[in-house]
Amino acid sequence: MSDEYGGDIVTITDPEGNDYELEHLDTIEMDDAYYMAFLPTDLDEDDPDYGIVILKCDSSPDMGADLYVPDDEAAERAYDIFMERLFAEENEEGEEDGETAGEEE
């Protein structure tokens, strides 16, 4: 995904006060809002709860920081956009390596 954003670690706190560290993968703009894709840094890839976390980024002038909030209604659409971008980038990388779609050896 976008090198411009990848690799940043953020800590979020849920309503119960639990802290989670997430690695920022990519950001998209959709419906005049920003949606960010993250992966948990504290879970093993084999953990059933491991997967992409999509949060809406709301700026908060009162707090002087960004707030990351779930938006279940838009999350599925945002997820689809993130996956399209990921697979498009993978296909471009494969073509750069000399592979061609539909080519069999």
N, C-alpha and C. Protein backbone atom coordinates (compact mmCIF):
# COMPACT_ATOMS: atom_id res chain seq x y z
N MET A 1 0.83 -1.17 0.00
CA MET A 1 0.00 0.00 0.00
C MET A 1 0.88 1.24 0.00
N SER A 2 0.33 2.35 0.22
CA SER A 2 1.05 3.61 0.06
C SER A 2 2.26 3.72 0.97
N ASP A 3 3.45 3.93 0.36
CA ASP A 3 4.67 4.12 1.14
C ASP A 3 4.62 5.43 1.91
N GLU A 4 3.80 6.35 1.45
CA GLU A 4 3.69 7.65 2.10
C GLU A 4 3.21 7.49 3.55
N TYR A 5 2.37 6.49 3.81
CA TYR A 5 1.79 6.34 5.14
C TYR A 5 2.29 5.12 5.89
N GLY A 6 2.71 4.06 5.20
CA GLY A 6 3.00 2.79 5.84
C GLY A 6 4.08 2.86 6.89
N GLY A 7 3.97 1.98 7.87
CA GLY A 7 4.99 1.85 8.89
C GLY A 7 4.80 2.67 10.14
N ASP A 8 3.84 3.56 10.18
CA ASP A 8 3.60 4.36 11.37
C ASP A 8 2.82 3.53 12.39
N ILE A 9 3.20 3.66 13.65
CA ILE A 9 2.50 2.96 14.73
C ILE A 9 1.71 3.99 15.53
N VAL A 10 0.43 3.67 15.77
CA VAL A 10 -0.41 4.53 16.60
C VAL A 10 -0.96 3.69 17.75
N THR A 11 -1.22 4.34 18.84
CA THR A 11 -1.85 3.68 19.98
C THR A 11 -3.25 4.25 20.13
N ILE A 12 -4.23 3.37 20.16
CA ILE A 12 -5.61 3.81 20.37
C ILE A 12 -6.12 3.21 21.66
N THR A 13 -7.08 3.87 22.25
CA THR A 13 -7.69 3.42 23.49
C THR A 13 -9.17 3.20 23.25
N ASP A 14 -9.68 2.02 23.59
CA ASP A 14 -11.10 1.75 23.40
C ASP A 14 -11.90 2.34 24.56
N PRO A 15 -13.23 2.32 24.46
CA PRO A 15 -14.07 2.92 25.52
C PRO A 15 -13.86 2.31 26.91
N GLU A 16 -13.34 1.07 26.98
CA GLU A 16 -13.09 0.41 28.27
C GLU A 16 -11.72 0.77 28.83
N GLY A 17 -10.94 1.57 28.09
CA GLY A 17 -9.63 1.99 28.57
C GLY A 17 -8.48 1.08 28.15
N ASN A 18 -8.74 0.10 27.29
CA ASN A 18 -7.68 -0.80 26.80
C ASN A 18 -6.91 -0.12 25.67
N ASP A 19 -5.58 -0.19 25.72
CA ASP A 19 -4.73 0.39 24.68
C ASP A 19 -4.35 -0.68 23.66
N TYR A 20 -4.32 -0.28 22.39
CA TYR A 20 -3.93 -1.16 21.31
C TYR A 20 -2.95 -0.43 20.41
N GLU A 21 -1.89 -1.12 20.00
CA GLU A 21 -0.95 -0.55 19.04
C GLU A 21 -1.29 -1.09 17.67
N LEU A 22 -1.41 -0.17 16.71
CA LEU A 22 -1.76 -0.53 15.34
C LEU A 22 -0.74 0.05 14.38
N GLU A 23 -0.40 -0.73 13.35
CA GLU A 23 0.48 -0.24 12.30
C GLU A 23 -0.37 0.32 11.17
N HIS A 24 -0.13 1.57 10.83
CA HIS A 24 -0.87 2.25 9.77
C HIS A 24 -0.38 1.77 8.41
N LEU A 25 -1.30 1.26 7.59
CA LEU A 25 -0.96 0.73 6.28
C LEU A 25 -1.24 1.71 5.15
N ASP A 26 -2.41 2.35 5.21
CA ASP A 26 -2.82 3.20 4.09
C ASP A 26 -3.98 4.08 4.54
N THR A 27 -4.21 5.14 3.77
CA THR A 27 -5.30 6.07 4.03
C THR A 27 -6.01 6.35 2.72
N ILE A 28 -7.33 6.40 2.77
CA ILE A 28 -8.11 6.81 1.60
C ILE A 28 -9.06 7.92 2.01
N GLU A 29 -9.48 8.69 1.02
CA GLU A 29 -10.53 9.69 1.24
C GLU A 29 -11.79 9.16 0.59
N MET A 30 -12.87 9.15 1.36
CA MET A 30 -14.14 8.63 0.88
C MET A 30 -15.26 9.41 1.56
N ASP A 31 -16.20 9.91 0.79
CA ASP A 31 -17.35 10.64 1.35
C ASP A 31 -16.89 11.81 2.23
N ASP A 32 -15.91 12.58 1.75
CA ASP A 32 -15.40 13.75 2.47
C ASP A 32 -14.84 13.41 3.86
N ALA A 33 -14.36 12.20 4.03
CA ALA A 33 -13.74 11.78 5.29
C ALA A 33 -12.53 10.90 4.95
N TYR A 34 -11.64 10.77 5.91
CA TYR A 34 -10.46 9.93 5.73
C TYR A 34 -10.64 8.63 6.51
N TYR A 35 -10.32 7.53 5.85
CA TYR A 35 -10.39 6.21 6.45
C TYR A 35 -8.99 5.61 6.41
N MET A 36 -8.61 5.03 7.52
CA MET A 36 -7.25 4.50 7.66
C MET A 36 -7.30 3.00 7.91
N ALA A 37 -6.41 2.28 7.23
CA ALA A 37 -6.30 0.83 7.41
C ALA A 37 -5.10 0.55 8.31
N PHE A 38 -5.32 -0.32 9.29
CA PHE A 38 -4.30 -0.67 10.27
C PHE A 38 -4.23 -2.19 10.41
N LEU A 39 -3.08 -2.67 10.92
CA LEU A 39 -2.93 -4.04 11.37
C LEU A 39 -2.50 -4.00 12.83
N PRO A 40 -3.04 -4.89 13.66
CA PRO A 40 -2.61 -4.92 15.06
C PRO A 40 -1.17 -5.40 15.17
N THR A 41 -0.39 -4.74 16.02
CA THR A 41 1.01 -5.13 16.19
C THR A 41 1.18 -6.13 17.32
N ASP A 42 0.17 -6.28 18.17
CA ASP A 42 0.30 -7.13 19.34
C ASP A 42 -0.40 -8.48 19.20
N LEU A 43 -0.84 -8.82 17.99
CA LEU A 43 -1.48 -10.11 17.76
C LEU A 43 -0.68 -10.91 16.75
N ASP A 44 -0.64 -12.21 16.95
CA ASP A 44 0.00 -13.11 16.00
C ASP A 44 -0.92 -13.26 14.79
N GLU A 45 -0.33 -13.46 13.62
CA GLU A 45 -1.12 -13.60 12.39
C GLU A 45 -2.08 -14.78 12.44
N ASP A 46 -1.80 -15.76 13.31
CA ASP A 46 -2.67 -16.93 13.43
C ASP A 46 -3.84 -16.69 14.39
N ASP A 47 -3.83 -15.58 15.10
CA ASP A 47 -4.89 -15.26 16.05
C ASP A 47 -6.18 -14.99 15.27
N PRO A 48 -7.31 -15.54 15.69
CA PRO A 48 -8.57 -15.33 14.97
C PRO A 48 -9.01 -13.85 14.93
N ASP A 49 -8.52 -13.03 15.84
CA ASP A 49 -8.87 -11.62 15.85
C ASP A 49 -7.94 -10.76 14.98
N TYR A 50 -6.91 -11.39 14.40
CA TYR A 50 -5.95 -10.66 13.57
C TYR A 50 -6.60 -10.32 12.24
N GLY A 51 -6.41 -9.10 11.79
CA GLY A 51 -6.92 -8.69 10.48
C GLY A 51 -6.88 -7.18 10.36
N ILE A 52 -7.26 -6.71 9.20
CA ILE A 52 -7.25 -5.26 8.95
C ILE A 52 -8.32 -4.59 9.79
N VAL A 53 -7.92 -3.49 10.41
CA VAL A 53 -8.82 -2.66 11.19
C VAL A 53 -8.99 -1.36 10.42
N ILE A 54 -10.23 -0.98 10.14
CA ILE A 54 -10.49 0.27 9.41
C ILE A 54 -11.18 1.24 10.35
N LEU A 55 -10.57 2.41 10.48
CA LEU A 55 -11.12 3.45 11.35
C LEU A 55 -11.23 4.76 10.60
N LYS A 56 -12.25 5.50 10.93
CA LYS A 56 -12.44 6.84 10.37
C LYS A 56 -11.60 7.80 11.20
N CYS A 57 -10.91 8.72 10.53
CA CYS A 57 -10.08 9.69 11.21
C CYS A 57 -10.86 11.00 11.34
N ASP A 58 -11.16 11.37 12.57
CA ASP A 58 -11.83 12.63 12.85
C ASP A 58 -10.86 13.54 13.57
N SER A 59 -10.65 14.72 13.04
CA SER A 59 -9.80 15.69 13.73
C SER A 59 -10.61 16.34 14.83
N SER A 60 -9.96 16.56 15.93
CA SER A 60 -10.62 17.16 17.07
C SER A 60 -9.86 18.41 17.50
N PRO A 61 -10.36 19.61 17.12
CA PRO A 61 -9.66 20.84 17.50
C PRO A 61 -9.58 21.00 19.02
N ASP A 62 -10.57 20.50 19.75
CA ASP A 62 -10.58 20.62 21.21
C ASP A 62 -9.45 19.82 21.84
N MET A 63 -9.14 18.65 21.26
CA MET A 63 -8.13 17.78 21.85
C MET A 63 -6.75 17.99 21.21
N GLY A 64 -6.71 18.66 20.05
CA GLY A 64 -5.44 18.89 19.38
C GLY A 64 -4.85 17.64 18.77
N ALA A 65 -5.66 16.62 18.53
CA ALA A 65 -5.16 15.37 17.96
C ALA A 65 -6.25 14.73 17.12
N ASP A 66 -5.84 13.73 16.34
CA ASP A 66 -6.81 12.98 15.56
C ASP A 66 -7.50 11.96 16.45
N LEU A 67 -8.77 11.74 16.18
CA LEU A 67 -9.52 10.68 16.83
C LEU A 67 -9.79 9.62 15.79
N TYR A 68 -9.62 8.37 16.16
CA TYR A 68 -9.89 7.26 15.27
C TYR A 68 -11.13 6.56 15.79
N VAL A 69 -12.17 6.55 14.96
CA VAL A 69 -13.44 6.00 15.40
C VAL A 69 -13.93 4.94 14.40
N PRO A 70 -14.57 3.90 14.91
CA PRO A 70 -15.14 2.92 13.99
C PRO A 70 -16.33 3.52 13.27
N ASP A 71 -16.52 3.15 12.03
CA ASP A 71 -17.67 3.59 11.24
C ASP A 71 -18.14 2.35 10.48
N ASP A 72 -18.92 1.52 11.17
CA ASP A 72 -19.30 0.23 10.60
C ASP A 72 -20.04 0.38 9.27
N GLU A 73 -20.80 1.44 9.12
CA GLU A 73 -21.57 1.64 7.90
C GLU A 73 -20.65 1.81 6.69
N ALA A 74 -19.57 2.56 6.85
CA ALA A 74 -18.66 2.83 5.73
C ALA A 74 -17.49 1.85 5.67
N ALA A 75 -17.27 1.09 6.72
CA ALA A 75 -16.08 0.22 6.80
C ALA A 75 -16.02 -0.80 5.67
N GLU A 76 -17.13 -1.38 5.31
CA GLU A 76 -17.12 -2.39 4.25
C GLU A 76 -16.74 -1.77 2.91
N ARG A 77 -17.28 -0.61 2.60
CA ARG A 77 -16.92 0.07 1.35
C ARG A 77 -15.45 0.47 1.36
N ALA A 78 -14.98 0.98 2.50
CA ALA A 78 -13.57 1.37 2.62
C ALA A 78 -12.68 0.14 2.47
N TYR A 79 -13.07 -0.97 3.08
CA TYR A 79 -12.30 -2.21 2.97
C TYR A 79 -12.16 -2.63 1.51
N ASP A 80 -13.27 -2.57 0.76
CA ASP A 80 -13.22 -2.94 -0.65
C ASP A 80 -12.24 -2.06 -1.43
N ILE A 81 -12.22 -0.76 -1.14
CA ILE A 81 -11.30 0.15 -1.82
C ILE A 81 -9.85 -0.19 -1.45
N PHE A 82 -9.59 -0.43 -0.16
CA PHE A 82 -8.24 -0.80 0.25
C PHE A 82 -7.78 -2.08 -0.45
N MET A 83 -8.66 -3.08 -0.55
CA MET A 83 -8.29 -4.34 -1.19
C MET A 83 -8.05 -4.15 -2.68
N GLU A 84 -8.87 -3.34 -3.35
CA GLU A 84 -8.65 -3.06 -4.77
C GLU A 84 -7.28 -2.42 -4.98
N ARG A 85 -6.93 -1.46 -4.11
CA ARG A 85 -5.62 -0.80 -4.23
C ARG A 85 -4.49 -1.79 -3.98
N LEU A 86 -4.64 -2.64 -2.98
CA LEU A 86 -3.61 -3.62 -2.67
C LEU A 86 -3.38 -4.57 -3.84
N PHE A 87 -4.46 -5.11 -4.39
CA PHE A 87 -4.32 -6.06 -5.48
C PHE A 87 -3.83 -5.37 -6.76
N ALA A 88 -4.20 -4.13 -6.98
CA ALA A 88 -3.70 -3.39 -8.15
C ALA A 88 -2.19 -3.20 -8.03
N GLU A 89 -1.72 -2.87 -6.83
CA GLU A 89 -0.28 -2.69 -6.62
C GLU A 89 0.46 -4.02 -6.76
N GLU A 90 -0.12 -5.11 -6.28
CA GLU A 90 0.51 -6.42 -6.43
C GLU A 90 0.60 -6.81 -7.91
N ASN A 91 -0.46 -6.53 -8.67
CA ASN A 91 -0.45 -6.84 -10.10
C ASN A 91 0.59 -6.00 -10.82
N GLU A 92 0.72 -4.74 -10.48
CA GLU A 92 1.73 -3.88 -11.09
C GLU A 92 3.13 -4.40 -10.78
N GLU A 93 3.37 -4.83 -9.55
CA GLU A 93 4.68 -5.36 -9.17
C GLU A 93 4.98 -6.62 -9.95
N GLY A 94 3.98 -7.49 -10.14
CA GLY A 94 4.17 -8.72 -10.91
C GLY A 94 4.52 -8.44 -12.35
N GLU A 95 3.87 -7.43 -12.94
CA GLU A 95 4.15 -7.07 -14.33
C GLU A 95 5.56 -6.49 -14.45
N GLU A 96 6.00 -5.74 -13.45
CA GLU A 96 7.34 -5.17 -13.47
C GLU A 96 8.39 -6.28 -13.38
N ASP A 97 8.04 -7.39 -12.74
CA ASP A 97 8.97 -8.52 -12.61
C ASP A 97 8.95 -9.42 -13.84
N GLY A 98 8.19 -9.04 -14.88
CA GLY A 98 8.16 -9.81 -16.10
C GLY A 98 6.99 -10.76 -16.22
N GLU A 99 6.14 -10.82 -15.20
CA GLU A 99 4.97 -11.68 -15.26
C GLU A 99 3.87 -10.95 -16.03
N THR A 100 3.01 -11.72 -16.70
CA THR A 100 1.90 -11.14 -17.41
C THR A 100 0.64 -11.88 -17.00
N ALA A 101 -0.46 -11.14 -16.83
CA ALA A 101 -1.71 -11.77 -16.43
C ALA A 101 -2.10 -12.82 -17.46
N GLY A 102 -2.47 -13.99 -17.00
CA GLY A 102 -2.93 -15.06 -17.86
C GLY A 102 -1.82 -15.85 -18.52
N GLU A 103 -0.57 -15.50 -18.25
CA GLU A 103 0.54 -16.19 -18.88
C GLU A 103 0.83 -17.48 -18.12
N GLU A 104 0.93 -18.58 -18.88
CA GLU A 104 1.23 -19.86 -18.26
C GLU A 104 2.56 -20.35 -18.80
N GLU A 105 3.26 -21.10 -17.95
CA GLU A 105 4.54 -21.66 -18.38
C GLU A 105 4.39 -23.10 -18.76
